[in-house]
Amino acid sequence: MEKLAGALFFLVLLFGALIVIFLVARELVTWYWKINDILSTLKSINRRLALLVNEASPEARPDRDAKTTDEPPSDGRVDSNEKSTEGDEVKQCRYCKEETPKDDDMCQVCGSYIG
């Protein structure tokens, strides 16, 4: 009976030691490959993209079509009713579908590269 208890104690101790070794090795691998930093960066990107999608969707901004002041928005963006009056001198953003002056490289609404 004592042999069985000793063997069981040894197995539990061995199993505990293997778990500790596994957790330490896992931490070393995630530290070496910067997996925790990559994960936090991806979460930050995901959060910012969600904000952009909510901001760009017409349902999220019902006041977007109604121009209330003659001044540009405080964040520097162009209102959707404020189109360029230069005729064919505009190009359309492929992401938000807003018109931007042809000489601009970035969309004034969503900030994406137009090219």
Protein backbone atom coordinates (compact mmCIF):
# COMPACT_ATOMS: atom_id res chain seq x y z
CA MET A 1 0.00 0.00 0.00
CA GLU A 2 2.87 2.35 0.79
CA LYS A 3 4.43 1.61 -2.62
CA LEU A 4 1.19 2.56 -4.33
CA ALA A 5 0.92 5.79 -2.33
CA GLY A 6 4.58 6.60 -3.09
CA ALA A 7 4.09 5.91 -6.81
CA LEU A 8 0.92 8.04 -6.89
CA PHE A 9 2.72 10.88 -5.11
CA PHE A 10 5.60 10.61 -7.61
CA LEU A 11 3.16 10.75 -10.59
CA VAL A 12 1.36 13.82 -9.18
CA LEU A 13 4.68 15.52 -8.52
CA LEU A 14 5.93 14.65 -12.02
CA PHE A 15 2.71 15.90 -13.60
CA GLY A 16 2.95 19.17 -11.64
CA ALA A 17 6.59 19.63 -12.68
CA LEU A 18 5.67 19.05 -16.35
CA ILE A 19 2.92 21.66 -16.13
CA VAL A 20 5.33 24.20 -14.63
CA ILE A 21 7.95 23.43 -17.30
CA PHE A 22 5.32 23.80 -20.02
CA LEU A 23 4.13 27.18 -18.69
CA VAL A 24 7.68 28.52 -18.38
CA ALA A 25 8.57 27.32 -21.89
CA ARG A 26 5.38 28.85 -23.25
CA GLU A 27 6.22 32.22 -21.68
CA LEU A 28 9.74 32.09 -23.12
CA VAL A 29 8.43 31.32 -26.60
CA THR A 30 5.82 34.10 -26.50
CA TRP A 31 8.42 36.54 -25.18
CA TYR A 32 10.99 35.58 -27.83
CA TRP A 33 8.59 35.82 -30.77
CA LYS A 34 6.84 38.89 -29.27
CA ILE A 35 3.48 37.18 -29.57
CA ASN A 36 1.96 39.18 -26.70
CA ASP A 37 3.01 42.46 -28.35
CA ILE A 38 1.68 41.32 -31.72
CA LEU A 39 -1.60 40.32 -30.12
CA SER A 40 -2.03 43.68 -28.39
CA THR A 41 -1.18 45.50 -31.65
CA LEU A 42 -3.73 43.44 -33.57
CA LYS A 43 -6.39 44.14 -30.95
CA SER A 44 -5.62 47.85 -31.21
CA ILE A 45 -5.88 47.73 -35.01
CA ASN A 46 -9.15 45.82 -34.77
CA ARG A 47 -10.58 48.39 -32.35
CA ARG A 48 -9.55 51.30 -34.61
CA LEU A 49 -11.00 49.61 -37.69
CA ALA A 50 -14.28 49.08 -35.87
CA LEU A 51 -14.33 52.79 -35.04
CA LEU A 52 -13.66 53.67 -38.68
CA VAL A 53 -16.39 51.37 -39.93
CA ASN A 54 -18.87 52.83 -37.47
CA GLU A 55 -17.81 56.34 -38.38
CA ALA A 56 -18.02 55.75 -42.14
CA SER A 57 -21.38 54.01 -42.13
CA PRO A 58 -24.33 56.30 -42.94
CA GLU A 59 -26.44 54.66 -40.21
CA ALA A 60 -23.91 55.70 -37.57
CA ARG A 61 -23.93 59.36 -38.66
CA PRO A 62 -27.46 60.43 -39.59
CA ASP A 63 -26.42 64.11 -39.55
CA ARG A 64 -23.80 63.54 -42.24
CA ASP A 65 -26.06 64.63 -45.12
CA ALA A 66 -27.37 67.70 -43.32
CA LYS A 67 -24.92 70.58 -43.55
CA THR A 68 -25.46 72.74 -40.48
CA THR A 69 -22.60 75.26 -40.69
CA ASP A 70 -20.52 76.92 -43.37
CA GLU A 71 -17.30 75.98 -41.59
CA PRO A 72 -15.50 72.69 -42.29
CA PRO A 73 -15.76 70.03 -39.58
CA SER A 74 -13.32 70.49 -36.71
CA ASP A 75 -11.55 67.20 -37.50
CA GLY A 76 -10.53 68.46 -40.96
CA ARG A 77 -12.76 66.12 -42.91
CA VAL A 78 -14.88 67.17 -45.86
CA ASP A 79 -18.64 66.92 -45.54
CA SER A 80 -20.28 64.60 -48.09
CA ASN A 81 -22.41 67.49 -49.44
CA GLU A 82 -19.31 69.54 -50.07
CA LYS A 83 -18.25 68.31 -53.50
CA SER A 84 -15.49 69.74 -55.64
CA THR A 85 -16.80 72.17 -58.23
CA GLU A 86 -13.96 71.68 -60.66
CA GLY A 87 -15.87 69.42 -63.07
CA ASP A 88 -13.88 66.35 -64.06
CA GLU A 89 -11.02 67.27 -61.72
CA VAL A 90 -12.16 64.76 -59.08
CA LYS A 91 -11.61 61.09 -58.41
CA GLN A 92 -13.62 58.75 -56.25
CA CYS A 93 -12.23 56.95 -53.21
CA ARG A 94 -12.58 53.20 -53.64
CA TYR A 95 -13.30 52.68 -49.93
CA CYS A 96 -15.77 55.37 -48.88
CA LYS A 97 -16.92 56.36 -52.41
CA GLU A 98 -16.45 60.09 -51.70
CA GLU A 99 -15.13 62.44 -54.37
CA THR A 100 -11.68 63.93 -53.80
CA PRO A 101 -9.77 66.50 -55.87
CA LYS A 102 -7.66 64.79 -58.51
CA ASP A 103 -4.37 66.21 -57.23
CA ASP A 104 -4.86 64.76 -53.71
CA ASP A 105 -3.17 61.44 -52.93
CA MET A 106 -5.27 60.70 -49.85
CA CYS A 107 -9.02 60.68 -49.37
CA GLN A 108 -10.17 63.67 -47.32
CA VAL A 109 -12.95 61.63 -45.70
CA CYS A 110 -11.45 58.28 -44.71
CA GLY A 111 -7.72 59.04 -45.09
CA SER A 112 -6.96 56.09 -47.39
CA TYR A 113 -4.40 56.32 -50.19
CA ILE A 114 -6.07 56.96 -53.54
CA GLY A 115 -3.07 56.87 -55.84
